[in-house]
Amino acid sequence: MRTLVVATTNPGKVRELRALLSDLPVRLVGMDEMGLSAPAETGATFAANATLKARHAADASGFLVLADDSGLEVDGLGGAPGVHSARYAGDGADDEANRRRLIRELRDLPPAARTGRFRCAIAIAQLAPPGAGAGEATVTVVEGTCEGLLLTEPRGDRGFGYDPLFLLPERGLTMAELPDAEKNVVSHRARALALALPGLRRLLVHAGGDDA
């Protein structure tokens, strides 16, 4: 079974990705399990940060890597929190603190301006095979989005991050109220993974063997 490093220290993302990739013959491990530190996320876009994390983990571990950078974009806030979603209330802020700041800002917006989306960029990185010469990992990036409305009162106890505030109008439920099986079809991360899977499968078949 191949090892696939998930370039995140967020346990919620690791759990979600394990469920989404459960049909692949891979052993998913997070950066913590590999003893790797996360790089500074200095990119201006989700794609740039996903690429940075994927290349860092691949170069450090030597394994195939999947990196995800994702967050919330609120139209009435000019796309914020955007790439700052995980630290919207400051460095080291937890999910609850980030939600509280967002709720304060949403209350200043008219309901029509509370539209937005979750956006996810997924980067897959692999090192060049032995004998191919030195060089950084090669990276492929795809993106997926999920449109919705933002609430000023949280609903639901599933998921993580901003899920309790993100309403899917066609379902009348927040991301945090959706059953896991449904979320793993409609979410931004699921949509990005659907685009990434063909290339990931090809890499796994090409690599062959067992590195677990």
N, C-alpha and C. Protein backbone atom coordinates (compact mmCIF):
# COMPACT_ATOMS: atom_id res chain seq x y z
N MET A 1 0.85 -1.19 0.00
CA MET A 1 0.00 0.00 0.00
C MET A 1 0.88 1.24 0.00
N ARG A 2 0.56 2.18 -0.88
CA ARG A 2 1.35 3.39 -0.98
C ARG A 2 1.05 4.34 0.18
N THR A 3 2.04 5.14 0.55
CA THR A 3 1.86 6.19 1.55
C THR A 3 1.57 7.50 0.84
N LEU A 4 0.53 8.16 1.26
CA LEU A 4 0.18 9.48 0.74
C LEU A 4 0.19 10.44 1.92
N VAL A 5 1.09 11.39 1.89
CA VAL A 5 1.18 12.38 2.95
C VAL A 5 0.17 13.48 2.69
N VAL A 6 -0.64 13.79 3.70
CA VAL A 6 -1.58 14.91 3.63
C VAL A 6 -0.90 16.09 4.31
N ALA A 7 -0.62 17.11 3.55
CA ALA A 7 0.19 18.23 4.05
C ALA A 7 -0.66 19.19 4.87
N THR A 8 -1.11 18.72 6.03
CA THR A 8 -1.87 19.56 6.94
C THR A 8 -1.65 19.05 8.36
N THR A 9 -1.84 19.94 9.32
CA THR A 9 -1.84 19.56 10.73
C THR A 9 -3.25 19.68 11.30
N ASN A 10 -4.23 19.91 10.43
CA ASN A 10 -5.63 20.05 10.84
C ASN A 10 -6.27 18.67 10.88
N PRO A 11 -6.62 18.15 12.06
CA PRO A 11 -7.18 16.80 12.14
C PRO A 11 -8.52 16.67 11.44
N GLY A 12 -9.30 17.75 11.37
CA GLY A 12 -10.58 17.71 10.67
C GLY A 12 -10.39 17.45 9.19
N LYS A 13 -9.39 18.09 8.60
CA LYS A 13 -9.12 17.86 7.19
C LYS A 13 -8.62 16.45 6.94
N VAL A 14 -7.77 15.95 7.83
CA VAL A 14 -7.26 14.59 7.66
C VAL A 14 -8.41 13.58 7.69
N ARG A 15 -9.33 13.74 8.66
CA ARG A 15 -10.48 12.83 8.75
C ARG A 15 -11.33 12.89 7.49
N GLU A 16 -11.58 14.11 7.01
CA GLU A 16 -12.42 14.27 5.83
C GLU A 16 -11.76 13.65 4.60
N LEU A 17 -10.46 13.87 4.44
CA LEU A 17 -9.76 13.32 3.29
C LEU A 17 -9.67 11.80 3.36
N ARG A 18 -9.52 11.26 4.55
CA ARG A 18 -9.51 9.79 4.67
C ARG A 18 -10.84 9.20 4.20
N ALA A 19 -11.94 9.87 4.54
CA ALA A 19 -13.24 9.39 4.10
C ALA A 19 -13.39 9.53 2.58
N LEU A 20 -12.96 10.66 2.06
CA LEU A 20 -13.10 10.91 0.62
C LEU A 20 -12.23 9.99 -0.22
N LEU A 21 -11.09 9.56 0.33
CA LEU A 21 -10.15 8.73 -0.44
C LEU A 21 -10.14 7.28 0.04
N SER A 22 -11.22 6.87 0.71
CA SER A 22 -11.24 5.54 1.32
C SER A 22 -11.18 4.40 0.30
N ASP A 23 -11.52 4.68 -0.97
CA ASP A 23 -11.49 3.60 -1.97
C ASP A 23 -10.13 3.47 -2.65
N LEU A 24 -9.17 4.31 -2.29
CA LEU A 24 -7.84 4.22 -2.90
C LEU A 24 -6.93 3.33 -2.06
N PRO A 25 -6.03 2.61 -2.70
CA PRO A 25 -5.10 1.75 -1.95
C PRO A 25 -3.92 2.54 -1.40
N VAL A 26 -4.25 3.48 -0.48
CA VAL A 26 -3.21 4.34 0.09
C VAL A 26 -3.37 4.40 1.60
N ARG A 27 -2.27 4.64 2.25
CA ARG A 27 -2.25 4.91 3.69
C ARG A 27 -2.02 6.40 3.86
N LEU A 28 -3.03 7.12 4.34
CA LEU A 28 -2.92 8.56 4.52
C LEU A 28 -2.29 8.88 5.87
N VAL A 29 -1.31 9.74 5.85
CA VAL A 29 -0.68 10.19 7.09
C VAL A 29 -0.57 11.71 7.06
N GLY A 30 -0.84 12.32 8.20
CA GLY A 30 -0.70 13.77 8.31
C GLY A 30 0.74 14.17 8.56
N MET A 31 1.00 15.46 8.49
CA MET A 31 2.36 15.96 8.70
C MET A 31 2.84 15.68 10.11
N ASP A 32 1.93 15.73 11.09
CA ASP A 32 2.32 15.44 12.47
C ASP A 32 2.86 14.03 12.60
N GLU A 33 2.18 13.09 11.94
CA GLU A 33 2.60 11.69 12.00
C GLU A 33 3.97 11.47 11.35
N MET A 34 4.30 12.33 10.39
CA MET A 34 5.58 12.22 9.71
C MET A 34 6.67 13.02 10.42
N GLY A 35 6.31 13.74 11.46
CA GLY A 35 7.28 14.57 12.16
C GLY A 35 7.69 15.80 11.36
N LEU A 36 6.79 16.27 10.50
CA LEU A 36 7.10 17.42 9.65
C LEU A 36 6.42 18.68 10.19
N SER A 37 7.09 19.78 10.08
CA SER A 37 6.50 21.06 10.45
C SER A 37 5.85 21.69 9.22
N ALA A 38 4.85 22.50 9.45
CA ALA A 38 4.16 23.17 8.35
C ALA A 38 4.91 24.43 7.94
N PRO A 39 5.00 24.71 6.66
CA PRO A 39 5.66 25.94 6.22
C PRO A 39 4.76 27.15 6.45
N ALA A 40 5.33 28.33 6.43
CA ALA A 40 4.54 29.56 6.52
C ALA A 40 3.71 29.68 5.24
N GLU A 41 2.44 29.99 5.40
CA GLU A 41 1.54 30.11 4.25
C GLU A 41 1.56 31.55 3.77
N THR A 42 2.49 31.84 2.88
CA THR A 42 2.72 33.21 2.44
C THR A 42 2.11 33.52 1.08
N GLY A 43 1.40 32.56 0.49
CA GLY A 43 0.81 32.78 -0.82
C GLY A 43 -0.37 33.73 -0.77
N ALA A 44 -0.63 34.39 -1.89
CA ALA A 44 -1.76 35.33 -1.98
C ALA A 44 -3.04 34.63 -2.40
N THR A 45 -2.97 33.37 -2.82
CA THR A 45 -4.14 32.62 -3.25
C THR A 45 -4.12 31.24 -2.61
N PHE A 46 -5.27 30.56 -2.64
CA PHE A 46 -5.34 29.20 -2.14
C PHE A 46 -4.43 28.29 -2.95
N ALA A 47 -4.40 28.47 -4.27
CA ALA A 47 -3.56 27.63 -5.12
C ALA A 47 -2.09 27.80 -4.79
N ALA A 48 -1.67 29.04 -4.53
CA ALA A 48 -0.27 29.29 -4.19
C ALA A 48 0.09 28.63 -2.87
N ASN A 49 -0.78 28.71 -1.88
CA ASN A 49 -0.49 28.09 -0.59
C ASN A 49 -0.51 26.57 -0.67
N ALA A 50 -1.45 26.01 -1.44
CA ALA A 50 -1.48 24.55 -1.60
C ALA A 50 -0.19 24.06 -2.26
N THR A 51 0.27 24.78 -3.27
CA THR A 51 1.50 24.42 -3.96
C THR A 51 2.70 24.49 -3.01
N LEU A 52 2.76 25.55 -2.23
CA LEU A 52 3.85 25.72 -1.27
C LEU A 52 3.89 24.56 -0.27
N LYS A 53 2.73 24.21 0.27
CA LYS A 53 2.67 23.13 1.27
C LYS A 53 2.99 21.78 0.65
N ALA A 54 2.48 21.53 -0.55
CA ALA A 54 2.73 20.24 -1.20
C ALA A 54 4.20 20.05 -1.52
N ARG A 55 4.82 21.08 -2.07
CA ARG A 55 6.24 20.98 -2.43
C ARG A 55 7.11 20.82 -1.19
N HIS A 56 6.79 21.55 -0.14
CA HIS A 56 7.54 21.47 1.11
C HIS A 56 7.48 20.04 1.67
N ALA A 57 6.28 19.46 1.75
CA ALA A 57 6.13 18.13 2.32
C ALA A 57 6.76 17.06 1.45
N ALA A 58 6.67 17.19 0.14
CA ALA A 58 7.26 16.20 -0.76
C ALA A 58 8.78 16.24 -0.66
N ASP A 59 9.34 17.44 -0.67
CA ASP A 59 10.80 17.55 -0.58
C ASP A 59 11.31 17.04 0.77
N ALA A 60 10.52 17.25 1.84
CA ALA A 60 10.96 16.84 3.17
C ALA A 60 10.77 15.35 3.42
N SER A 61 9.73 14.76 2.84
CA SER A 61 9.40 13.36 3.16
C SER A 61 9.82 12.37 2.08
N GLY A 62 9.86 12.81 0.83
CA GLY A 62 10.16 11.90 -0.27
C GLY A 62 8.95 11.11 -0.73
N PHE A 63 7.78 11.34 -0.12
CA PHE A 63 6.56 10.62 -0.49
C PHE A 63 5.69 11.46 -1.43
N LEU A 64 4.74 10.79 -2.05
CA LEU A 64 3.68 11.48 -2.77
C LEU A 64 2.87 12.29 -1.76
N VAL A 65 2.50 13.51 -2.12
CA VAL A 65 1.85 14.42 -1.18
C VAL A 65 0.59 15.01 -1.79
N LEU A 66 -0.42 15.12 -0.95
CA LEU A 66 -1.63 15.87 -1.29
C LEU A 66 -1.77 17.00 -0.29
N ALA A 67 -1.83 18.22 -0.80
CA ALA A 67 -1.99 19.39 0.05
C ALA A 67 -3.29 20.09 -0.31
N ASP A 68 -3.96 20.56 0.72
CA ASP A 68 -5.22 21.27 0.53
C ASP A 68 -5.11 22.63 1.18
N ASP A 69 -5.48 23.67 0.45
CA ASP A 69 -5.62 24.97 1.08
C ASP A 69 -7.02 25.46 0.74
N SER A 70 -7.77 25.80 1.75
CA SER A 70 -9.17 26.11 1.51
C SER A 70 -9.64 27.15 2.49
N GLY A 71 -10.76 27.74 2.18
CA GLY A 71 -11.31 28.74 3.08
C GLY A 71 -12.60 29.32 2.54
N LEU A 72 -13.05 30.33 3.23
CA LEU A 72 -14.34 30.95 2.95
C LEU A 72 -14.14 32.33 2.32
N GLU A 73 -14.93 32.61 1.31
CA GLU A 73 -14.94 33.92 0.67
C GLU A 73 -16.34 34.51 0.80
N VAL A 74 -16.47 35.66 1.44
CA VAL A 74 -17.76 36.33 1.60
C VAL A 74 -17.79 37.54 0.67
N ASP A 75 -18.79 37.57 -0.22
CA ASP A 75 -18.83 38.62 -1.23
C ASP A 75 -18.92 40.01 -0.62
N GLY A 76 -19.74 40.17 0.42
CA GLY A 76 -19.91 41.48 1.03
C GLY A 76 -18.72 41.96 1.83
N LEU A 77 -17.75 41.06 2.05
CA LEU A 77 -16.51 41.42 2.76
C LEU A 77 -15.32 41.47 1.81
N GLY A 78 -15.61 41.62 0.52
CA GLY A 78 -14.54 41.72 -0.46
C GLY A 78 -13.74 40.44 -0.63
N GLY A 79 -14.37 39.29 -0.34
CA GLY A 79 -13.68 38.01 -0.47
C GLY A 79 -13.04 37.52 0.82
N ALA A 80 -13.09 38.32 1.88
CA ALA A 80 -12.56 37.88 3.18
C ALA A 80 -13.51 36.83 3.77
N PRO A 81 -12.97 35.99 4.65
CA PRO A 81 -11.59 35.94 5.16
C PRO A 81 -10.57 35.37 4.17
N GLY A 82 -10.99 34.67 3.12
CA GLY A 82 -10.08 34.22 2.08
C GLY A 82 -8.94 33.38 2.61
N VAL A 83 -7.73 33.67 2.16
CA VAL A 83 -6.58 32.86 2.56
C VAL A 83 -6.25 33.00 4.05
N HIS A 84 -6.91 33.94 4.71
CA HIS A 84 -6.70 34.11 6.15
C HIS A 84 -7.78 33.39 6.97
N SER A 85 -8.55 32.51 6.34
CA SER A 85 -9.68 31.87 7.01
C SER A 85 -9.29 31.17 8.30
N ALA A 86 -8.17 30.48 8.30
CA ALA A 86 -7.77 29.69 9.47
C ALA A 86 -7.27 30.56 10.63
N ARG A 87 -6.94 31.80 10.36
CA ARG A 87 -6.40 32.68 11.40
C ARG A 87 -7.08 34.05 11.34
N TYR A 88 -8.38 34.04 11.01
CA TYR A 88 -9.12 35.29 10.82
C TYR A 88 -9.16 36.13 12.10
N ALA A 89 -9.23 35.48 13.24
CA ALA A 89 -9.28 36.20 14.51
C ALA A 89 -7.88 36.39 15.11
N GLY A 90 -6.85 36.10 14.33
CA GLY A 90 -5.48 36.27 14.80
C GLY A 90 -4.72 34.96 14.80
N ASP A 91 -3.41 35.05 14.84
CA ASP A 91 -2.56 33.86 14.87
C ASP A 91 -2.92 33.01 16.10
N GLY A 92 -3.08 31.72 15.85
CA GLY A 92 -3.41 30.81 16.93
C GLY A 92 -4.88 30.76 17.29
N ALA A 93 -5.72 31.51 16.56
CA ALA A 93 -7.15 31.51 16.84
C ALA A 93 -7.76 30.16 16.53
N ASP A 94 -8.75 29.75 17.34
CA ASP A 94 -9.43 28.50 17.06
C ASP A 94 -10.69 28.76 16.23
N ASP A 95 -11.39 27.67 15.88
CA ASP A 95 -12.57 27.80 15.02
C ASP A 95 -13.61 28.72 15.63
N GLU A 96 -13.83 28.59 16.93
CA GLU A 96 -14.86 29.39 17.60
C GLU A 96 -14.53 30.88 17.52
N ALA A 97 -13.28 31.24 17.75
CA ALA A 97 -12.89 32.65 17.68
C ALA A 97 -13.05 33.19 16.26
N ASN A 98 -12.68 32.41 15.27
CA ASN A 98 -12.84 32.84 13.88
C ASN A 98 -14.31 33.04 13.54
N ARG A 99 -15.17 32.13 14.01
CA ARG A 99 -16.60 32.27 13.73
C ARG A 99 -17.17 33.52 14.40
N ARG A 100 -16.74 33.79 15.64
CA ARG A 100 -17.25 34.97 16.34
C ARG A 100 -16.89 36.26 15.59
N ARG A 101 -15.66 36.34 15.08
CA ARG A 101 -15.29 37.56 14.33
C ARG A 101 -16.14 37.67 13.07
N LEU A 102 -16.30 36.55 12.36
CA LEU A 102 -17.08 36.60 11.13
C LEU A 102 -18.53 37.00 11.41
N ILE A 103 -19.12 36.47 12.46
CA ILE A 103 -20.50 36.82 12.80
C ILE A 103 -20.63 38.32 13.06
N ARG A 104 -19.68 38.89 13.78
CA ARG A 104 -19.72 40.34 14.04
C ARG A 104 -19.73 41.12 12.73
N GLU A 105 -18.92 40.69 11.78
CA GLU A 105 -18.83 41.42 10.52
C GLU A 105 -20.05 41.16 9.63
N LEU A 106 -20.58 39.96 9.68
CA LEU A 106 -21.78 39.66 8.89
C LEU A 106 -22.97 40.49 9.35
N ARG A 107 -23.07 40.76 10.64
CA ARG A 107 -24.21 41.52 11.15
C ARG A 107 -24.24 42.94 10.65
N ASP A 108 -23.11 43.43 10.16
CA ASP A 108 -23.05 44.78 9.58
C ASP A 108 -23.42 44.79 8.10
N LEU A 109 -23.66 43.61 7.53
CA LEU A 109 -23.98 43.51 6.11
C LEU A 109 -25.47 43.29 5.89
N PRO A 110 -26.03 43.85 4.80
CA PRO A 110 -27.41 43.49 4.46
C PRO A 110 -27.45 42.02 4.04
N PRO A 111 -28.58 41.33 4.24
CA PRO A 111 -28.66 39.91 3.89
C PRO A 111 -28.22 39.60 2.47
N ALA A 112 -28.50 40.49 1.52
CA ALA A 112 -28.15 40.23 0.13
C ALA A 112 -26.65 40.18 -0.09
N ALA A 113 -25.87 40.74 0.84
CA ALA A 113 -24.41 40.76 0.70
C ALA A 113 -23.76 39.59 1.41
N ARG A 114 -24.55 38.72 2.01
CA ARG A 114 -24.00 37.59 2.76
C ARG A 114 -23.87 36.33 1.91
N THR A 115 -23.71 36.50 0.62
CA THR A 115 -23.42 35.37 -0.26
C THR A 115 -21.93 35.08 -0.21
N GLY A 116 -21.59 33.86 -0.54
CA GLY A 116 -20.17 33.50 -0.55
C GLY A 116 -19.96 32.08 -0.99
N ARG A 117 -18.74 31.64 -0.80
CA ARG A 117 -18.40 30.29 -1.23
C ARG A 117 -17.24 29.75 -0.41
N PHE A 118 -17.22 28.45 -0.27
CA PHE A 118 -16.02 27.76 0.16
C PHE A 118 -15.21 27.47 -1.10
N ARG A 119 -13.91 27.70 -1.02
CA ARG A 119 -13.01 27.39 -2.14
C ARG A 119 -11.90 26.48 -1.64
N CYS A 120 -11.59 25.48 -2.43
CA CYS A 120 -10.53 24.54 -2.07
C CYS A 120 -9.58 24.35 -3.24
N ALA A 121 -8.30 24.53 -2.98
CA ALA A 121 -7.26 24.20 -3.96
C ALA A 121 -6.54 22.96 -3.46
N ILE A 122 -6.41 21.97 -4.32
CA ILE A 122 -5.68 20.75 -3.99
C ILE A 122 -4.46 20.65 -4.89
N ALA A 123 -3.32 20.45 -4.26
CA ALA A 123 -2.07 20.27 -5.00
C ALA A 123 -1.52 18.88 -4.73
N ILE A 124 -1.10 18.21 -5.78
CA ILE A 124 -0.47 16.89 -5.66
C ILE A 124 0.97 17.03 -6.11
N ALA A 125 1.89 16.61 -5.24
CA ALA A 125 3.32 16.76 -5.52
C ALA A 125 4.02 15.43 -5.43
N GLN A 126 4.97 15.24 -6.34
CA GLN A 126 5.82 14.05 -6.30
C GLN A 126 7.24 14.44 -6.68
N LEU A 127 8.19 13.76 -6.08
CA LEU A 127 9.58 13.97 -6.44
C LEU A 127 9.90 13.27 -7.74
N ALA A 128 10.91 13.76 -8.43
CA ALA A 128 11.36 13.07 -9.63
C ALA A 128 11.90 11.69 -9.24
N PRO A 129 11.72 10.67 -10.09
CA PRO A 129 12.23 9.34 -9.76
C PRO A 129 13.75 9.33 -9.66
N PRO A 130 14.32 8.38 -8.91
CA PRO A 130 15.78 8.29 -8.80
C PRO A 130 16.43 8.21 -10.17
N GLY A 131 17.53 8.93 -10.32
CA GLY A 131 18.23 8.92 -11.59
C GLY A 131 17.76 9.97 -12.56
N ALA A 132 16.65 10.67 -12.22
CA ALA A 132 16.12 11.69 -13.14
C ALA A 132 16.78 13.04 -12.92
N GLY A 133 17.65 13.12 -11.94
CA GLY A 133 18.30 14.39 -11.67
C GLY A 133 17.66 15.12 -10.52
N ALA A 134 18.40 16.00 -9.91
CA ALA A 134 17.90 16.74 -8.75
C ALA A 134 16.87 17.78 -9.19
N GLY A 135 16.08 18.19 -8.26
CA GLY A 135 15.09 19.23 -8.55
C GLY A 135 13.94 19.17 -7.58
N GLU A 136 13.19 20.24 -7.55
CA GLU A 136 12.06 20.30 -6.66
C GLU A 136 10.95 19.36 -7.14
N ALA A 137 10.02 19.08 -6.24
CA ALA A 137 8.87 18.26 -6.58
C ALA A 137 8.03 18.95 -7.66
N THR A 138 7.45 18.12 -8.53
CA THR A 138 6.51 18.65 -9.52
C THR A 138 5.12 18.67 -8.89
N VAL A 139 4.34 19.70 -9.20
CA VAL A 139 3.06 19.92 -8.54
C VAL A 139 1.96 20.16 -9.57
N THR A 140 0.81 19.53 -9.35
CA THR A 140 -0.39 19.76 -10.14
C THR A 140 -1.47 20.29 -9.21
N VAL A 141 -2.20 21.33 -9.65
CA VAL A 141 -3.19 21.98 -8.79
C VAL A 141 -4.56 22.03 -9.48
N VAL A 142 -5.61 21.73 -8.71
CA VAL A 142 -6.99 21.89 -9.17
C VAL A 142 -7.77 22.64 -8.09
N GLU A 143 -8.93 23.20 -8.46
CA GLU A 143 -9.75 23.92 -7.50
C GLU A 143 -11.21 23.50 -7.60
N GLY A 144 -11.91 23.54 -6.46
CA GLY A 144 -13.34 23.30 -6.41
C GLY A 144 -14.00 24.33 -5.52
N THR A 145 -15.26 24.66 -5.80
CA THR A 145 -15.99 25.63 -4.99
C THR A 145 -17.37 25.11 -4.65
N CYS A 146 -17.95 25.70 -3.60
CA CYS A 146 -19.31 25.40 -3.19
C CYS A 146 -19.96 26.73 -2.79
N GLU A 147 -21.04 27.10 -3.48
CA GLU A 147 -21.71 28.38 -3.24
C GLU A 147 -22.74 28.25 -2.13
N GLY A 148 -22.93 29.34 -1.38
CA GLY A 148 -23.92 29.32 -0.31
C GLY A 148 -24.20 30.69 0.26
N LEU A 149 -24.91 30.71 1.38
CA LEU A 149 -25.23 31.92 2.11
C LEU A 149 -24.67 31.82 3.52
N LEU A 150 -24.28 32.97 4.08
CA LEU A 150 -23.71 32.98 5.42
C LEU A 150 -24.76 33.39 6.45
N LEU A 151 -24.79 32.67 7.56
CA LEU A 151 -25.72 32.94 8.65
C LEU A 151 -25.01 33.68 9.79
N THR A 152 -25.81 34.35 10.61
CA THR A 152 -25.25 35.02 11.79
C THR A 152 -25.48 34.23 13.07
N GLU A 153 -26.10 33.06 12.95
CA GLU A 153 -26.27 32.15 14.08
C GLU A 153 -25.83 30.77 13.64
N PRO A 154 -24.89 30.12 14.34
CA PRO A 154 -24.43 28.79 13.93
C PRO A 154 -25.52 27.74 14.06
N ARG A 155 -25.47 26.77 13.14
CA ARG A 155 -26.41 25.66 13.15
C ARG A 155 -25.67 24.37 12.84
N GLY A 156 -25.88 23.34 13.65
CA GLY A 156 -25.29 22.04 13.40
C GLY A 156 -24.01 21.82 14.18
N ASP A 157 -23.69 20.54 14.40
CA ASP A 157 -22.49 20.20 15.17
C ASP A 157 -21.56 19.25 14.42
N ARG A 158 -21.73 19.15 13.11
CA ARG A 158 -20.81 18.35 12.31
C ARG A 158 -19.76 19.26 11.68
N GLY A 159 -18.78 18.67 11.03
CA GLY A 159 -17.80 19.46 10.31
C GLY A 159 -16.89 20.24 11.24
N PHE A 160 -16.33 21.32 10.71
CA PHE A 160 -15.39 22.15 11.46
C PHE A 160 -15.31 23.51 10.80
N GLY A 161 -14.54 24.39 11.35
CA GLY A 161 -14.35 25.71 10.75
C GLY A 161 -15.66 26.49 10.67
N TYR A 162 -15.94 27.01 9.49
CA TYR A 162 -17.12 27.85 9.28
C TYR A 162 -18.36 27.05 8.87
N ASP A 163 -18.29 25.73 8.90
CA ASP A 163 -19.41 24.90 8.46
C ASP A 163 -20.74 25.28 9.12
N PRO A 164 -20.78 25.59 10.44
CA PRO A 164 -22.08 25.90 11.05
C PRO A 164 -22.72 27.20 10.57
N LEU A 165 -21.96 28.04 9.87
CA LEU A 165 -22.48 29.32 9.38
C LEU A 165 -22.78 29.30 7.89
N PHE A 166 -22.46 28.20 7.22
CA PHE A 166 -22.55 28.16 5.76
C PHE A 166 -23.80 27.38 5.34
N LEU A 167 -24.79 28.09 4.83
CA LEU A 167 -26.07 27.50 4.44
C LEU A 167 -26.08 27.15 2.96
N LEU A 168 -26.52 25.93 2.67
CA LEU A 168 -26.75 25.50 1.29
C LEU A 168 -28.23 25.74 0.98
N PRO A 169 -28.57 26.79 0.22
CA PRO A 169 -29.98 27.16 0.03
C PRO A 169 -30.83 26.03 -0.55
N GLU A 170 -30.26 25.26 -1.46
CA GLU A 170 -31.04 24.20 -2.10
C GLU A 170 -31.39 23.07 -1.13
N ARG A 171 -30.65 22.97 -0.04
CA ARG A 171 -30.92 21.94 0.96
C ARG A 171 -31.56 22.50 2.23
N GLY A 172 -31.43 23.79 2.45
CA GLY A 172 -31.97 24.38 3.67
C GLY A 172 -31.19 23.96 4.90
N LEU A 173 -29.97 23.48 4.71
CA LEU A 173 -29.12 22.99 5.80
C LEU A 173 -27.75 23.64 5.71
N THR A 174 -27.12 23.80 6.86
CA THR A 174 -25.73 24.24 6.84
C THR A 174 -24.82 23.04 6.57
N MET A 175 -23.58 23.34 6.25
CA MET A 175 -22.60 22.27 6.08
C MET A 175 -22.47 21.42 7.34
N ALA A 176 -22.67 22.05 8.50
CA ALA A 176 -22.53 21.34 9.78
C ALA A 176 -23.76 20.50 10.11
N GLU A 177 -24.84 20.64 9.33
CA GLU A 177 -26.03 19.83 9.53
C GLU A 177 -26.12 18.68 8.53
N LEU A 178 -25.31 18.72 7.48
CA LEU A 178 -25.36 17.67 6.47
C LEU A 178 -24.79 16.36 7.00
N PRO A 179 -25.40 15.23 6.65
CA PRO A 179 -24.75 13.94 6.92
C PRO A 179 -23.40 13.89 6.21
N ASP A 180 -22.45 13.21 6.81
CA ASP A 180 -21.11 13.15 6.23
C ASP A 180 -21.12 12.67 4.79
N ALA A 181 -21.94 11.66 4.50
CA ALA A 181 -21.97 11.10 3.15
C ALA A 181 -22.39 12.14 2.13
N GLU A 182 -23.32 13.02 2.51
CA GLU A 182 -23.77 14.05 1.58
C GLU A 182 -22.74 15.17 1.46
N LYS A 183 -22.17 15.56 2.60
CA LYS A 183 -21.14 16.60 2.55
C LYS A 183 -19.98 16.16 1.66
N ASN A 184 -19.65 14.88 1.70
CA ASN A 184 -18.52 14.37 0.93
C ASN A 184 -18.82 14.24 -0.55
N VAL A 185 -19.98 14.74 -0.97
CA VAL A 185 -20.32 14.82 -2.39
C VAL A 185 -20.36 16.28 -2.84
N VAL A 186 -20.94 17.16 -2.00
CA VAL A 186 -21.22 18.53 -2.43
C VAL A 186 -20.18 19.55 -1.99
N SER A 187 -19.30 19.19 -1.07
CA SER A 187 -18.38 20.18 -0.53
C SER A 187 -17.34 20.63 -1.56
N HIS A 188 -16.75 21.77 -1.29
CA HIS A 188 -15.68 22.30 -2.12
C HIS A 188 -14.51 21.34 -2.20
N ARG A 189 -14.21 20.68 -1.06
CA ARG A 189 -13.09 19.74 -1.03
C ARG A 189 -13.41 18.50 -1.86
N ALA A 190 -14.65 18.02 -1.77
CA ALA A 190 -15.05 16.87 -2.57
C ALA A 190 -14.98 17.18 -4.06
N ARG A 191 -15.39 18.38 -4.44
CA ARG A 191 -15.37 18.76 -5.85
C ARG A 191 -13.94 18.91 -6.37
N ALA A 192 -13.07 19.47 -5.54
CA ALA A 192 -11.67 19.57 -5.95
C ALA A 192 -11.04 18.18 -6.07
N LEU A 193 -11.35 17.30 -5.12
CA LEU A 193 -10.80 15.95 -5.17
C LEU A 193 -11.28 15.18 -6.39
N ALA A 194 -12.54 15.41 -6.78
CA ALA A 194 -13.05 14.74 -7.98
C ALA A 194 -12.21 15.10 -9.21
N LEU A 195 -11.73 16.34 -9.25
CA LEU A 195 -10.87 16.76 -10.35
C LEU A 195 -9.45 16.21 -10.21
N ALA A 196 -9.01 16.05 -8.95
CA ALA A 196 -7.64 15.58 -8.71
C ALA A 196 -7.48 14.07 -8.83
N LEU A 197 -8.57 13.32 -8.61
CA LEU A 197 -8.47 11.87 -8.52
C LEU A 197 -7.89 11.18 -9.76
N PRO A 198 -8.30 11.56 -10.98
CA PRO A 198 -7.71 10.86 -12.14
C PRO A 198 -6.19 10.94 -12.16
N GLY A 199 -5.64 12.11 -11.92
CA GLY A 199 -4.19 12.25 -11.90
C GLY A 199 -3.55 11.51 -10.75
N LEU A 200 -4.22 11.52 -9.58
CA LEU A 200 -3.69 10.82 -8.42
C LEU A 200 -3.68 9.31 -8.67
N ARG A 201 -4.73 8.79 -9.28
CA ARG A 201 -4.77 7.36 -9.60
C ARG A 201 -3.64 6.97 -10.55
N ARG A 202 -3.41 7.83 -11.55
CA ARG A 202 -2.33 7.54 -12.51
C ARG A 202 -0.97 7.51 -11.80
N LEU A 203 -0.76 8.44 -10.89
CA LEU A 203 0.51 8.46 -10.15
C LEU A 203 0.68 7.21 -9.30
N LEU A 204 -0.41 6.77 -8.68
CA LEU A 204 -0.33 5.58 -7.83
C LEU A 204 -0.05 4.33 -8.66
N VAL A 205 -0.70 4.22 -9.80
CA VAL A 205 -0.47 3.07 -10.67
C VAL A 205 0.94 3.08 -11.22
N HIS A 206 1.39 4.27 -11.62
CA HIS A 206 2.75 4.39 -12.19
C HIS A 206 3.81 4.06 -11.13
N ALA A 207 3.56 4.49 -9.89
CA ALA A 207 4.55 4.26 -8.84
C ALA A 207 4.63 2.78 -8.48
N GLY A 208 3.43 2.15 -8.35
CA GLY A 208 3.40 0.73 -8.00
C GLY A 208 4.08 0.45 -6.68
N GLY A 209 4.23 -0.83 -6.32
CA GLY A 209 5.00 -1.23 -5.15
C GLY A 209 4.32 -0.90 -3.85
N ASP A 210 5.08 -1.00 -2.78
CA ASP A 210 4.57 -0.79 -1.42
C ASP A 210 5.61 -0.01 -0.65
N ASP A 211 5.24 1.19 -0.24
CA ASP A 211 6.21 1.99 0.52
C ASP A 211 5.75 2.21 1.95
N ALA A 212 4.67 1.52 2.34
CA ALA A 212 4.15 1.73 3.69
C ALA A 212 5.06 1.09 4.73
